[in-house]
PDB file of N, CA and C in Angstrom:
ATOM      1  N   MET A   1     111.719  84.915 116.210  1.00  0.00           N
ATOM      2  CA  MET A   1     111.909  85.274 115.009  1.00  0.00           C
ATOM      3  C   MET A   1     110.883  86.738 114.761  1.00  0.00           C
ATOM      4  N   GLU A   2     111.676  88.018 114.191  1.00  0.00           N
ATOM      5  CA  GLU A   2     110.606  89.204 113.959  1.00  0.00           C
ATOM      6  C   GLU A   2     110.414  88.703 112.865  1.00  0.00           C
ATOM      7  N   VAL A   3     108.623  89.125 112.792  1.00  0.00           N
ATOM      8  CA  VAL A   3     107.918  89.103 111.395  1.00  0.00           C
ATOM      9  C   VAL A   3     107.638  91.032 111.423  1.00  0.00           C
ATOM     10  N   PRO A   4     107.671  91.297 110.153  1.00  0.00           N
ATOM     11  CA  PRO A   4     107.898  92.675 109.810  1.00  0.00           C
ATOM     12  C   PRO A   4     106.321  92.890 109.669  1.00  0.00           C
ATOM     13  N   ALA A   5     105.560  94.372 109.926  1.00  0.00           N
ATOM     14  CA  ALA A   5     104.133  94.578 108.808  1.00  0.00           C
ATOM     15  C   ALA A   5     105.057  94.373 107.614  1.00  0.00           C
ATOM     16  N   PHE A   6     103.560  93.645 106.634  1.00  0.00           N
ATOM     17  CA  PHE A   6     103.712  93.937 105.147  1.00  0.00           C
ATOM     18  C   PHE A   6     103.583  94.758 104.529  1.00  0.00           C
ATOM     19  N   PRO A   7     104.217  95.041 103.204  1.00  0.00           N
ATOM     20  CA  PRO A   7     103.972  96.719 102.500  1.00  0.00           C
ATOM     21  C   PRO A   7     102.647  96.925 103.020  1.00  0.00           C
ATOM     22  N   SER A   8     102.000  98.210 102.810  1.00  0.00           N
ATOM     23  CA  SER A   8     101.213  98.759 102.681  1.00  0.00           C
ATOM     24  C   SER A   8      99.802  98.169 101.632  1.00  0.00           C
ATOM     25  N   VAL A   9     100.459  98.376 100.821  1.00  0.00           N
ATOM     26  CA  VAL A   9      99.895  98.116  99.604  1.00  0.00           C
ATOM     27  C   VAL A   9      99.060  96.219  99.600  1.00  0.00           C
ATOM     28  N   LEU A  10     100.011  95.559 100.412  1.00  0.00           N
ATOM     29  CA  LEU A  10      98.987  94.190 100.768  1.00  0.00           C
ATOM     30  C   LEU A  10      98.528  94.170 101.458  1.00  0.00           C
ATOM     31  N   TRP A  11      98.013  95.391 102.474  1.00  0.00           N
ATOM     32  CA  TRP A  11      97.473  95.371 104.055  1.00  0.00           C
ATOM     33  C   TRP A  11      95.639  94.832 103.422  1.00  0.00           C
ATOM     34  N   PRO A  12      95.303  95.187 102.558  1.00  0.00           N
ATOM     35  CA  PRO A  12      93.510  95.320 102.394  1.00  0.00           C
ATOM     36  C   PRO A  12      93.600  93.522 101.907  1.00  0.00           C
ATOM     37  N   ALA A  13      94.721  92.734 102.396  1.00  0.00           N
ATOM     38  CA  ALA A  13      94.154  91.300 101.905  1.00  0.00           C
ATOM     39  C   ALA A  13      93.990  90.837 103.437  1.00  0.00           C
ATOM     40  N   TYR A  14      94.546  91.620 104.216  1.00  0.00           N
ATOM     41  CA  TYR A  14      94.651  91.093 105.948  1.00  0.00           C
ATOM     42  C   TYR A  14      93.869  91.922 106.928  1.00  0.00           C
ATOM     43  N   ALA A  15      93.025  92.854 106.304  1.00  0.00           N
ATOM     44  CA  ALA A  15      92.206  93.811 106.962  1.00  0.00           C
ATOM     45  C   ALA A  15      91.113  92.746 107.281  1.00  0.00           C
ATOM     46  N   GLY A  16      90.742  91.507 106.781  1.00  0.00           N
ATOM     47  CA  GLY A  16      89.254  91.350 107.445  1.00  0.00           C
ATOM     48  C   GLY A  16      90.155  90.155 108.468  1.00  0.00           C
ATOM     49  N   LEU A  17      91.316  89.951 108.798  1.00  0.00           N
ATOM     50  CA  LEU A  17      91.736  88.353 109.693  1.00  0.00           C
ATOM     51  C   LEU A  17      91.161  88.832 111.033  1.00  0.00           C
ATOM     52  N   GLU A  18      90.646  88.404 111.733  1.00  0.00           N
ATOM     53  CA  GLU A  18      90.499  87.992 113.278  1.00  0.00           C
ATOM     54  C   GLU A  18      92.346  87.988 113.909  1.00  0.00           C
ATOM     55  N   PRO A  19      92.618  89.150 114.788  1.00  0.00           N
ATOM     56  CA  PRO A  19      93.994  89.228 115.095  1.00  0.00           C
ATOM     57  C   PRO A  19      94.544  88.399 116.553  1.00  0.00           C
ATOM     58  N   ASP A  20      95.683  87.215 116.407  1.00  0.00           N
ATOM     59  CA  ASP A  20      96.126  86.832 117.294  1.00  0.00           C
ATOM     60  C   ASP A  20      96.458  87.236 118.511  1.00  0.00           C
ATOM     61  N   ALA A  21      96.322  86.722 119.916  1.00  0.00           N
ATOM     62  CA  ALA A  21      96.894  87.019 121.009  1.00  0.00           C
ATOM     63  C   ALA A  21      97.883  87.209 121.258  1.00  0.00           C
ATOM     64  N   CYS A  22      98.737  88.326 121.707  1.00  0.00           N
ATOM     65  CA  CYS A  22      99.997  87.778 122.406  1.00  0.00           C
ATOM     66  C   CYS A  22     100.220  87.334 123.057  1.00  0.00           C
ATOM     67  N   VAL A  23     100.920  85.559 123.128  1.00  0.00           N
ATOM     68  CA  VAL A  23     100.956  85.043 124.691  1.00  0.00           C
ATOM     69  C   VAL A  23     101.718  85.717 125.802  1.00  0.00           C
ATOM     70  N   GLU A  24     102.305  86.291 125.832  1.00  0.00           N
ATOM     71  CA  GLU A  24     102.750  86.736 126.980  1.00  0.00           C
ATOM     72  C   GLU A  24     101.556  88.175 127.849  1.00  0.00           C
ATOM     73  N   CYS A  25     100.985  88.797 126.398  1.00  0.00           N
ATOM     74  CA  CYS A  25      99.992  90.124 127.468  1.00  0.00           C
ATOM     75  C   CYS A  25      98.591  90.038 126.583  1.00  0.00           C
ATOM     76  N   ALA A  26      98.247  89.267 125.944  1.00  0.00           N
ATOM     77  CA  ALA A  26      96.779  89.009 125.565  1.00  0.00           C
ATOM     78  C   ALA A  26      97.065  90.606 124.500  1.00  0.00           C
ATOM     79  N   ALA A  27      97.826  91.253 124.134  1.00  0.00           N
ATOM     80  CA  ALA A  27      97.252  92.250 123.192  1.00  0.00           C
ATOM     81  C   ALA A  27      96.938  92.038 121.567  1.00  0.00           C
ATOM     82  N   PRO A  28      96.031  92.556 120.670  1.00  0.00           N
ATOM     83  CA  PRO A  28      95.787  91.514 119.433  1.00  0.00           C
ATOM     84  C   PRO A  28      97.068  91.984 119.099  1.00  0.00           C
ATOM     85  N   VAL A  29      97.512  90.903 118.199  1.00  0.00           N
ATOM     86  CA  VAL A  29      98.037  91.011 116.915  1.00  0.00           C
ATOM     87  C   VAL A  29      98.178  91.125 116.118  1.00  0.00           C
ATOM     88  N   ARG A  30      97.922  91.824 114.527  1.00  0.00           N
ATOM     89  CA  ARG A  30      97.594  91.892 113.433  1.00  0.00           C
ATOM     90  C   ARG A  30      98.221  91.486 112.161  1.00  0.00           C
ATOM     91  N   HIS A  31      98.075  90.233 111.869  1.00  0.00           N
ATOM     92  CA  HIS A  31      99.084  88.981 111.266  1.00  0.00           C
ATOM     93  C   HIS A  31      98.904  90.158 109.503  1.00  0.00           C
ATOM     94  N   GLY A  32     100.477  90.314 108.867  1.00  0.00           N
ATOM     95  CA  GLY A  32     100.482  91.682 108.098  1.00  0.00           C
ATOM     96  C   GLY A  32     100.432  93.271 108.363  1.00  0.00           C
ATOM     97  N   LEU A  33      99.704  93.294 109.463  1.00  0.00           N
ATOM     98  CA  LEU A  33      99.915  94.736 109.715  1.00  0.00           C
ATOM     99  C   LEU A  33     100.413  95.447 110.617  1.00  0.00           C
ATOM    100  N   ASP A  34     100.804  94.159 111.959  1.00  0.00           N
ATOM    101  CA  ASP A  34     101.556  94.489 112.734  1.00  0.00           C
ATOM    102  C   ASP A  34     102.933  93.875 112.453  1.00  0.00           C
ATOM    103  N   ARG A  35     104.000  94.688 112.968  1.00  0.00           N
ATOM    104  CA  ARG A  35     105.064  94.326 113.340  1.00  0.00           C
ATOM    105  C   ARG A  35     104.886  93.061 114.834  1.00  0.00           C
ATOM    106  N   TYR A  36     105.712  91.788 114.733  1.00  0.00           N
ATOM    107  CA  TYR A  36     105.776  90.547 115.544  1.00  0.00           C
ATOM    108  C   TYR A  36     106.561  89.602 115.553  1.00  0.00           C
ATOM    109  N   TYR A  37     106.256  88.978 116.704  1.00  0.00           N
ATOM    110  CA  TYR A  37     107.379  87.927 117.006  1.00  0.00           C
ATOM    111  C   TYR A  37     106.525  86.251 116.990  1.00  0.00           C
ATOM    112  N   GLN A  38     107.590  85.904 116.336  1.00  0.00           N
ATOM    113  CA  GLN A  38     107.453  84.343 116.271  1.00  0.00           C
ATOM    114  C   GLN A  38     107.908  83.660 117.012  1.00  0.00           C
ATOM    115  N   ARG A  39     107.737  82.448 118.403  1.00  0.00           N
ATOM    116  CA  ARG A  39     108.942  82.313 119.001  1.00  0.00           C
ATOM    117  C   ARG A  39     108.155  80.903 119.557  1.00  0.00           C
ATOM    118  N   ASN A  40     109.237  79.991 119.848  1.00  0.00           N
ATOM    119  CA  ASN A  40     109.045  78.409 119.807  1.00  0.00           C
ATOM    120  C   ASN A  40     109.858  78.348 121.102  1.00  0.00           C
ATOM    121  N   ASP A  41     108.921  77.716 122.162  1.00  0.00           N
ATOM    122  CA  ASP A  41     109.683  77.411 123.529  1.00  0.00           C
ATOM    123  C   ASP A  41     110.743  76.272 123.076  1.00  0.00           C
ATOM    124  N   ALA A  42     111.452  76.529 124.017  1.00  0.00           N
ATOM    125  CA  ALA A  42     112.358  75.304 123.789  1.00  0.00           C
ATOM    126  C   ALA A  42     112.135  74.102 124.769  1.00  0.00           C
ATOM    127  N   GLY A  43     110.599  73.717 125.317  1.00  0.00           N
ATOM    128  CA  GLY A  43     110.280  72.631 125.824  1.00  0.00           C
ATOM    129  C   GLY A  43     108.854  71.872 124.877  1.00  0.00           C
ATOM    130  N   ASP A  44     108.538  72.391 124.252  1.00  0.00           N
ATOM    131  CA  ASP A  44     107.573  72.310 122.484  1.00  0.00           C
ATOM    132  C   ASP A  44     108.495  70.889 121.821  1.00  0.00           C
ATOM    133  N   GLY A  45     107.598  70.298 122.043  1.00  0.00           N
ATOM    134  CA  GLY A  45     107.690  69.049 121.126  1.00  0.00           C
ATOM    135  C   GLY A  45     108.720  68.017 121.514  1.00  0.00           C
ATOM    136  N   ALA A  46     109.101  68.380 123.080  1.00  0.00           N
ATOM    137  CA  ALA A  46     109.760  67.577 124.127  1.00  0.00           C
ATOM    138  C   ALA A  46     109.612  65.978 124.378  1.00  0.00           C
ATOM    139  N   GLY A  47     108.011  65.668 124.257  1.00  0.00           N
ATOM    140  CA  GLY A  47     107.112  64.268 124.281  1.00  0.00           C
ATOM    141  C   GLY A  47     107.043  63.703 123.137  1.00  0.00           C
ATOM    142  N   ARG A  48     106.438  62.492 123.093  1.00  0.00           N
ATOM    143  CA  ARG A  48     106.115  61.768 122.152  1.00  0.00           C
ATOM    144  C   ARG A  48     104.944  61.423 121.498  1.00  0.00           C
ATOM    145  N   SER A  49     104.448  62.391 121.976  1.00  0.00           N
ATOM    146  CA  SER A  49     102.621  62.607 121.491  1.00  0.00           C
ATOM    147  C   SER A  49     101.939  63.236 120.653  1.00  0.00           C
ATOM    148  N   LEU A  50     101.158  62.801 119.897  1.00  0.00           N
ATOM    149  CA  LEU A  50     100.804  63.943 118.744  1.00  0.00           C
ATOM    150  C   LEU A  50     100.901  65.373 118.814  1.00  0.00           C
ATOM    151  N   GLU A  51     100.084  65.625 120.119  1.00  0.00           N
ATOM    152  CA  GLU A  51     100.155  67.225 120.699  1.00  0.00           C
ATOM    153  C   GLU A  51     101.694  67.587 120.691  1.00  0.00           C
ATOM    154  N   ASP A  52     102.891  66.937 121.292  1.00  0.00           N
ATOM    155  CA  ASP A  52     104.097  67.625 121.366  1.00  0.00           C
ATOM    156  C   ASP A  52     104.347  67.554 120.386  1.00  0.00           C
ATOM    157  N   ALA A  53     104.086  66.435 119.087  1.00  0.00           N
ATOM    158  CA  ALA A  53     104.631  66.733 117.290  1.00  0.00           C
ATOM    159  C   ALA A  53     104.148  68.145 117.050  1.00  0.00           C
ATOM    160  N   LEU A  54     102.964  68.460 117.317  1.00  0.00           N
ATOM    161  CA  LEU A  54     101.969  69.761 116.847  1.00  0.00           C
ATOM    162  C   LEU A  54     103.062  70.794 117.126  1.00  0.00           C
ATOM    163  N   LEU A  55     103.424  70.899 118.440  1.00  0.00           N
ATOM    164  CA  LEU A  55     104.019  71.888 119.172  1.00  0.00           C
ATOM    165  C   LEU A  55     105.147  72.529 118.760  1.00  0.00           C
ATOM    166  N   ALA A  56     106.071  71.100 118.564  1.00  0.00           N
ATOM    167  CA  ALA A  56     107.411  71.853 117.438  1.00  0.00           C
ATOM    168  C   ALA A  56     107.159  72.091 116.182  1.00  0.00           C
ATOM    169  N   LEU A  57     106.311  72.149 115.780  1.00  0.00           N
ATOM    170  CA  LEU A  57     105.926  72.855 114.387  1.00  0.00           C
ATOM    171  C   LEU A  57     105.308  74.203 113.944  1.00  0.00           C
ATOM    172  N   THR A  58     104.688  74.826 115.528  1.00  0.00           N
ATOM    173  CA  THR A  58     104.344  75.942 115.876  1.00  0.00           C
ATOM    174  C   THR A  58     104.839  76.748 116.746  1.00  0.00           C
ATOM    175  N   TYR A  59     104.229  77.856 115.950  1.00  0.00           N
ATOM    176  CA  TYR A  59     105.143  78.839 117.052  1.00  0.00           C
ATOM    177  C   TYR A  59     104.110  79.711 117.653  1.00  0.00           C
ATOM    178  N   ASP A  60     104.114  80.599 118.970  1.00  0.00           N
ATOM    179  CA  ASP A  60     103.879  81.250 119.614  1.00  0.00           C
ATOM    180  C   ASP A  60     103.915  82.633 119.236  1.00  0.00           C
ATOM    181  N   CYS A  61     103.156  83.412 119.339  1.00  0.00           N
ATOM    182  CA  CYS A  61     102.431  84.883 118.950  1.00  0.00           C
ATOM    183  C   CYS A  61     102.736  85.770 119.574  1.00  0.00           C
ATOM    184  N   VAL A  62     103.390  87.040 119.412  1.00  0.00           N
ATOM    185  CA  VAL A  62     104.187  87.426 120.939  1.00  0.00           C
ATOM    186  C   VAL A  62     104.102  88.801 119.993  1.00  0.00           C
ATOM    187  N   CYS A  63     103.462  89.893 120.666  1.00  0.00           N
ATOM    188  CA  CYS A  63     103.833  90.947 120.441  1.00  0.00           C
ATOM    189  C   CYS A  63     105.058  92.076 120.257  1.00  0.00           C
ATOM    190  N   ALA A  64     105.048  92.889 119.240  1.00  0.00           N
ATOM    191  CA  ALA A  64     106.174  93.793 119.428  1.00  0.00           C
ATOM    192  C   ALA A  64     107.045  94.027 120.350  1.00  0.00           C
ATOM    193  N   ARG A  65     106.178  94.533 121.486  1.00  0.00           N
ATOM    194  CA  ARG A  65     106.456  95.006 122.549  1.00  0.00           C
ATOM    195  C   ARG A  65     107.169  94.148 123.735  1.00  0.00           C
ATOM    196  N   CYS A  66     106.080  92.810 123.549  1.00  0.00           N
ATOM    197  CA  CYS A  66     106.901  92.279 124.726  1.00  0.00           C
ATOM    198  C   CYS A  66     108.196  91.172 124.061  1.00  0.00           C
ATOM    199  N   GLY A  67     108.233  91.328 122.631  1.00  0.00           N
ATOM    200  CA  GLY A  67     109.420  90.539 122.136  1.00  0.00           C
ATOM    201  C   GLY A  67     110.730  91.964 122.078  1.00  0.00           C
ATOM    202  N   ASP A  68     110.175  93.047 121.884  1.00  0.00           N
ATOM    203  CA  ASP A  68     111.421  93.829 122.387  1.00  0.00           C
ATOM    204  C   ASP A  68     112.063  93.728 123.505  1.00  0.00           C
ATOM    205  N   ALA A  69     110.991  93.663 124.587  1.00  0.00           N
ATOM    206  CA  ALA A  69     111.407  93.846 126.300  1.00  0.00           C
ATOM    207  C   ALA A  69     112.235  92.515 126.503  1.00  0.00           C
ATOM    208  N   ALA A  70     111.888  91.278 126.126  1.00  0.00           N
ATOM    209  CA  ALA A  70     112.805  90.150 126.000  1.00  0.00           C
ATOM    210  C   ALA A  70     113.740  89.892 125.260  1.00  0.00           C
ATOM    211  N   ILE A  71     114.076  90.416 124.009  1.00  0.00           N
ATOM    212  CA  ILE A  71     115.575  90.710 123.470  1.00  0.00           C
ATOM    213  C   ILE A  71     116.264  91.999 125.033  1.00  0.00           C
ATOM    214  N   ARG A  72     116.077  92.849 125.230  1.00  0.00           N
ATOM    215  CA  ARG A  72     116.718  93.479 125.658  1.00  0.00           C
ATOM    216  C   ARG A  72     116.650  92.955 127.431  1.00  0.00           C
ATOM    217  N   GLU A  73     116.013  91.815 127.739  1.00  0.00           N
ATOM    218  CA  GLU A  73     116.350  91.471 128.763  1.00  0.00           C
ATOM    219  C   GLU A  73     117.581  90.507 128.589  1.00  0.00           C
ATOM    220  N   ALA A  74     117.076  89.435 127.629  1.00  0.00           N
ATOM    221  CA  ALA A  74     118.408  88.690 127.154  1.00  0.00           C
ATOM    222  C   ALA A  74     119.774  89.537 127.096  1.00  0.00           C
ATOM    223  N   ALA A  75     119.947  90.722 126.253  1.00  0.00           N
ATOM    224  CA  ALA A  75     121.294  91.329 126.142  1.00  0.00           C
ATOM    225  C   ALA A  75     121.828  91.658 127.175  1.00  0.00           C
ATOM    226  N   SER A  76     121.126  91.611 128.438  1.00  0.00           N
ATOM    227  CA  SER A  76     121.688  92.511 130.084  1.00  0.00           C
ATOM    228  C   SER A  76     121.947  91.512 130.515  1.00  0.00           C
TER     229      SER A  76
END
């Protein structure tokens, strides 16, 4: 799922947050300030443990460059 950058009027509220790292390339992704993707892997949540359940409810952060490349690759 693509997450667009928020309108610039909201940027001050997110400016102090630590960036997340892209799970593909480790590039910093600043929530609210950068366009990025949230991805849930198909295997997340496949088991019966608490960790598996939490993985099913969370998303991996993927930078716009890696997310766009994955979409282009899947469309080929």
